[in-house]
């Protein structure tokens, strides 16, 4: 191939790249400025204890969760799955005017015992981020989900199962390759028991990340990364930087909506 043809090909490639960038720029610029709150719950208890070492930040009651869901639905919110959020981000479906995504961290058995029946009752979707080394175990008196419960919930079409990694540790203090390898192994376990996962979402334990870990996971097949506190906006949605709102014990639906409204108007 002569030099002239090489120059022409390189120029065509450059034009295509510029055109793609311009298209992406205007595509995002034209998106509506819709807030996308992603809610974070953890464990659930039938009775709230008198004291809690974590100041009631990571436990809740099924009654409170059901009240939250009813309040969202009665106020016109659409409870979306992560896969639906991915489809909206790719332009394959329209984003609702008032979306909410519900997530649970760690993979507690209480999510199946108390929450799954509520999801079925109201036919709403949610995502559970599991620590794969804890599956089927009871640790310090706390019971975790087994693969059978995960498969049943996934097969209902209401629950998505994603990775919270193999271990629940501060990966920002460990070598990047350890995080990369652990995430890979966690998804190998998920796919062994639950089948191939078309969308791979990862929630960092403790929200602990570095720029290097984000880059490593993006380059190794993770579609969404979840690791910060706050609210997302559709017009500048970043699939590598998804924020959540932690819901403490017995926070009401009205209080959550007020928090969403307050944070949305800070931008």
Protein backbone atom coordinates (compact mmCIF):
# COMPACT_ATOMS: atom_id res chain seq x y z
CA UNK A 1 0.00 0.00 0.00
CA UNK A 2 1.49 3.33 -1.03
CA UNK A 3 1.90 6.32 1.21
CA UNK A 4 -0.98 8.27 -0.36
CA UNK A 5 -3.50 5.50 0.36
CA UNK A 6 -2.28 5.20 3.95
CA UNK A 7 -2.76 8.95 4.47
CA UNK A 8 -6.29 8.75 3.00
CA UNK A 9 -7.22 5.83 5.28
CA UNK A 10 -5.85 7.61 8.34
CA UNK A 11 -7.78 10.74 7.44
CA UNK A 12 -10.99 8.74 7.05
CA UNK A 13 -10.43 7.12 10.44
CA UNK A 14 -9.86 10.53 12.00
CA UNK A 15 -13.08 11.87 10.43
CA UNK A 16 -15.06 8.89 11.73
CA UNK A 17 -13.67 9.34 15.26
CA UNK A 18 -14.52 13.06 15.23
CA UNK A 19 -18.03 12.30 13.92
CA UNK A 20 -18.60 9.73 16.68
CA UNK A 21 -17.43 12.18 19.34
CA UNK A 22 -19.67 14.93 17.98
CA UNK A 23 -22.63 12.52 17.91
CA UNK A 24 -21.99 11.44 21.50
CA UNK A 25 -21.63 15.05 22.62
CA UNK A 26 -24.96 16.14 21.15
CA UNK A 27 -26.66 12.93 22.25
CA UNK A 28 -25.77 13.64 25.89
CA UNK A 29 -26.35 17.38 25.54
CA UNK A 30 -29.90 16.78 24.34
CA UNK A 31 -30.76 14.40 27.19
CA UNK A 32 -33.25 15.70 29.74
CA UNK A 33 -31.81 16.71 33.10
CA UNK A 34 -33.63 13.93 34.97
CA UNK A 35 -32.29 12.86 38.36
CA UNK A 36 -31.78 9.11 38.81
CA UNK A 37 -31.67 8.25 42.53
CA UNK A 38 -30.23 4.82 43.31
CA UNK A 39 -31.25 3.74 46.81
CA UNK A 40 -29.09 1.53 49.01
CA UNK A 41 -30.44 -0.81 51.68
CA UNK A 42 -28.62 -3.55 53.59
CA UNK A 43 -29.95 -5.99 56.20
CA UNK A 44 -33.53 -6.24 57.52
CA UNK A 45 -34.78 -7.15 60.97
CA UNK A 46 -38.22 -7.99 62.31
CA UNK A 47 -37.63 -5.87 65.43
CA UNK A 48 -35.31 -2.89 65.70
CA UNK A 49 -32.84 -3.40 68.59
CA UNK A 50 -32.39 -0.81 71.32
CA UNK A 51 -28.79 -0.17 70.29
CA UNK A 52 -26.79 -0.65 67.12
CA UNK A 53 -22.98 -0.42 66.61
CA UNK A 54 -23.48 1.24 63.23
CA UNK A 55 -25.98 3.84 64.45
CA UNK A 56 -28.87 2.12 62.59
CA UNK A 57 -27.36 3.01 59.20
CA UNK A 58 -27.32 -0.54 57.79
CA UNK A 59 -30.46 -2.19 59.13
CA UNK A 60 -34.08 -1.60 58.33
CA UNK A 61 -37.49 -3.19 58.79
CA UNK A 62 -39.65 -4.85 56.13
CA UNK A 63 -42.56 -2.60 57.16
CA UNK A 64 -40.46 0.49 56.52
CA UNK A 65 -39.31 -0.82 53.14
CA UNK A 66 -42.89 -1.58 52.09
CA UNK A 67 -43.92 1.94 53.14
CA UNK A 68 -41.08 3.32 51.01
CA UNK A 69 -42.19 1.34 47.93
CA UNK A 70 -45.86 2.34 48.33
CA UNK A 71 -44.89 6.00 48.73
CA UNK A 72 -42.71 5.96 45.61
CA UNK A 73 -45.45 4.36 43.51
CA UNK A 74 -48.15 6.67 44.88
CA UNK A 75 -46.00 9.67 43.98
CA UNK A 76 -45.51 8.67 40.35
CA UNK A 77 -42.05 7.13 40.55
CA UNK A 78 -41.06 4.27 38.27
CA UNK A 79 -38.87 1.68 40.00
CA UNK A 80 -36.33 0.53 37.41
CA UNK A 81 -33.85 -2.31 37.18
CA UNK A 82 -30.17 -1.80 36.40
CA UNK A 83 -30.73 -3.47 33.03
CA UNK A 84 -33.46 -0.97 32.22
CA UNK A 85 -31.17 1.86 33.27
CA UNK A 86 -28.51 0.45 30.94
CA UNK A 87 -31.06 0.25 28.11
CA UNK A 88 -32.10 3.88 28.68
CA UNK A 89 -28.46 4.96 28.76
CA UNK A 90 -27.90 3.26 25.40
CA UNK A 91 -31.02 4.84 23.88
CA UNK A 92 -32.87 1.53 23.63
CA UNK A 93 -35.75 2.70 25.84
CA UNK A 94 -37.07 5.99 27.14
CA UNK A 95 -36.12 6.96 30.66
CA UNK A 96 -39.20 7.57 32.87
CA UNK A 97 -39.67 11.12 34.13
CA UNK A 98 -39.30 10.01 37.77
CA UNK A 99 -37.04 6.93 37.96
CA UNK A 100 -35.76 5.18 41.07
CA UNK A 101 -33.40 2.20 41.29
CA UNK A 102 -33.46 0.03 44.43
CA UNK A 103 -30.33 -1.88 45.50
CA UNK A 104 -29.23 -4.04 48.43
CA UNK A 105 -25.65 -4.71 49.48
CA UNK A 106 -23.92 -7.79 50.93
CA UNK A 107 -26.49 -10.50 50.15
CA UNK A 108 -28.27 -11.00 53.47
CA UNK A 109 -30.82 -13.79 53.75
CA UNK A 110 -33.27 -11.18 55.05
CA UNK A 111 -33.47 -9.81 51.50
CA UNK A 112 -35.09 -13.10 50.48
CA UNK A 113 -37.08 -13.67 53.67
CA UNK A 114 -38.57 -10.19 54.08
CA UNK A 115 -38.01 -8.16 50.91
CA UNK A 116 -38.57 -10.57 48.06
CA UNK A 117 -42.25 -11.06 49.03
CA UNK A 118 -42.72 -7.27 48.99
CA UNK A 119 -41.12 -6.99 45.54
CA UNK A 120 -43.52 -9.67 44.29
CA UNK A 121 -46.52 -8.01 45.97
CA UNK A 122 -45.92 -4.69 44.20
CA UNK A 123 -44.19 -6.19 41.17
CA UNK A 124 -41.18 -3.91 41.44
CA UNK A 125 -37.57 -4.62 40.56
CA UNK A 126 -34.39 -4.47 42.59
CA UNK A 127 -30.71 -5.43 42.47
CA UNK A 128 -28.73 -7.35 45.10
CA UNK A 129 -24.94 -7.07 45.27
CA UNK A 130 -23.58 -10.26 46.84
CA UNK A 131 -20.25 -11.09 48.49
CA UNK A 132 -19.68 -14.47 46.85
CA UNK A 133 -17.43 -15.90 49.62
CA UNK A 134 -20.33 -15.42 52.08
CA UNK A 135 -22.99 -17.23 50.04
CA UNK A 136 -24.72 -19.96 52.03
CA UNK A 137 -22.93 -19.06 55.26
CA UNK A 138 -23.86 -17.71 58.68
CA UNK A 139 -21.26 -15.28 60.01
CA UNK A 140 -21.42 -13.76 63.51
CA UNK A 141 -25.05 -14.83 63.75
CA UNK A 142 -26.01 -13.23 60.43
CA UNK A 143 -27.34 -15.49 57.69
CA UNK A 144 -26.51 -14.90 54.05
CA UNK A 145 -28.30 -15.88 50.86
CA UNK A 146 -27.70 -19.25 49.25
CA UNK A 147 -27.45 -19.84 45.52
CA UNK A 148 -30.92 -21.41 45.49
CA UNK A 149 -32.51 -18.22 46.81
CA UNK A 150 -30.48 -16.12 44.37
CA UNK A 151 -31.59 -18.27 41.43
CA UNK A 152 -35.25 -18.20 42.49
CA UNK A 153 -35.24 -14.42 42.79
CA UNK A 154 -33.39 -13.94 39.51
CA UNK A 155 -35.77 -16.27 37.68
CA UNK A 156 -38.73 -14.19 38.88
CA UNK A 157 -37.56 -11.38 36.63
CA UNK A 158 -37.76 -8.96 39.56
CA UNK A 159 -34.28 -9.33 41.08
CA UNK A 160 -30.87 -8.89 39.48
CA UNK A 161 -27.82 -10.39 41.17
CA UNK A 162 -24.54 -8.50 40.83
CA UNK A 163 -21.09 -8.57 42.40
CA UNK A 164 -20.02 -6.95 45.67
CA UNK A 165 -16.80 -8.93 45.16
CA UNK A 166 -15.45 -12.12 46.72
CA UNK A 167 -14.52 -10.49 50.01
CA UNK A 168 -15.89 -7.47 51.83
CA UNK A 169 -12.63 -5.54 52.28
CA UNK A 170 -11.16 -2.12 51.50
CA UNK A 171 -9.88 -2.79 48.00
CA UNK A 172 -8.47 0.73 47.70
CA UNK A 173 -5.77 -0.43 50.14
CA UNK A 174 -4.88 -3.56 48.17
CA UNK A 175 -3.12 -4.14 44.84
CA UNK A 176 -5.30 -3.33 41.83
CA UNK A 177 -4.67 -6.81 40.40
CA UNK A 178 -6.24 -8.35 43.54
CA UNK A 179 -9.43 -6.37 43.00
CA UNK A 180 -9.44 -7.22 39.29
CA UNK A 181 -8.92 -10.94 39.94
CA UNK A 182 -11.45 -11.08 42.79
CA UNK A 183 -14.14 -9.38 40.70
CA UNK A 184 -13.45 -11.81 37.85
CA UNK A 185 -13.74 -14.79 40.22
CA UNK A 186 -16.90 -13.42 41.81
CA UNK A 187 -18.58 -13.23 38.39
CA UNK A 188 -17.32 -16.69 37.50
CA UNK A 189 -19.17 -17.97 40.59
CA UNK A 190 -22.29 -15.96 39.77
CA UNK A 191 -22.35 -17.31 36.22
CA UNK A 192 -21.67 -20.86 37.41
CA UNK A 193 -24.82 -20.86 39.55
CA UNK A 194 -27.03 -18.25 37.87
CA UNK A 195 -26.06 -18.43 34.20
CA UNK A 196 -24.44 -15.94 31.86
CA UNK A 197 -24.79 -12.31 32.90
CA UNK A 198 -25.21 -9.89 30.00
CA UNK A 199 -24.79 -6.86 32.26
CA UNK A 200 -22.02 -6.83 34.84
CA UNK A 201 -22.36 -4.29 37.62
CA UNK A 202 -19.94 -3.96 40.51
CA UNK A 203 -20.51 -2.18 43.84
CA UNK A 204 -17.32 -1.46 45.78
CA UNK A 205 -17.32 -2.66 49.41
CA UNK A 206 -17.32 0.45 51.63
CA UNK A 207 -17.39 2.51 48.43
CA UNK A 208 -13.59 2.28 48.55
CA UNK A 209 -12.02 2.86 45.14
CA UNK A 210 -9.15 4.58 43.35
CA UNK A 211 -8.80 5.95 39.84
CA UNK A 212 -6.67 2.88 39.06
CA UNK A 213 -9.35 0.40 40.22
CA UNK A 214 -12.02 2.14 38.15
CA UNK A 215 -9.81 2.02 35.06
CA UNK A 216 -8.91 -1.64 35.65
CA UNK A 217 -12.52 -2.79 35.97
CA UNK A 218 -13.64 -0.74 32.98
CA UNK A 219 -10.95 -2.47 30.92
CA UNK A 220 -12.00 -5.89 32.21
CA UNK A 221 -15.65 -6.10 31.28
CA UNK A 222 -17.48 -4.32 34.11
CA UNK A 223 -20.32 -2.28 32.59
CA UNK A 224 -21.42 -0.24 35.65
CA UNK A 225 -19.36 0.72 38.70
CA UNK A 226 -21.12 1.85 41.88
CA UNK A 227 -19.13 3.54 44.62
CA UNK A 228 -20.17 6.99 45.77
CA UNK A 229 -22.88 8.85 47.66
CA UNK A 230 -25.21 11.22 45.83
CA UNK A 231 -27.64 11.36 42.89
CA UNK A 232 -27.05 10.67 39.20
CA UNK A 233 -28.32 12.83 36.34
CA UNK A 234 -29.28 11.50 32.95
CA UNK A 235 -27.76 14.36 30.93
CA UNK A 236 -24.27 13.50 32.20
CA UNK A 237 -24.76 9.91 33.33
CA UNK A 238 -21.45 8.10 33.88
CA UNK A 239 -21.70 4.30 33.99
CA UNK A 240 -18.27 4.14 35.68
CA UNK A 241 -19.33 6.49 38.48
CA UNK A 242 -22.79 5.60 39.76
CA UNK A 243 -23.86 7.19 43.04
CA UNK A 244 -26.32 5.93 45.65
CA UNK A 245 -28.28 7.19 48.64
CA UNK A 246 -27.96 5.06 51.76
CA UNK A 247 -31.35 4.57 53.48
CA UNK A 248 -30.99 4.32 57.27
CA UNK A 249 -33.37 2.53 59.59
CA UNK A 250 -37.05 3.52 59.18
CA UNK A 251 -36.45 6.52 56.94
CA UNK A 252 -39.87 7.24 55.45
CA UNK A 253 -40.71 7.42 51.77
CA UNK A 254 -41.64 11.09 52.17
CA UNK A 255 -38.24 11.82 53.74
CA UNK A 256 -36.47 9.99 50.88
CA UNK A 257 -38.41 11.98 48.27
CA UNK A 258 -37.57 15.22 50.09
CA UNK A 259 -33.89 14.19 50.12
CA UNK A 260 -34.04 13.44 46.39
CA UNK A 261 -35.65 16.82 45.73
CA UNK A 262 -33.09 18.66 47.88
CA UNK A 263 -30.09 16.95 46.27
CA UNK A 264 -31.52 17.38 42.78
CA UNK A 265 -31.72 21.14 43.25
CA UNK A 266 -28.13 21.42 44.47
CA UNK A 267 -26.82 20.85 40.95
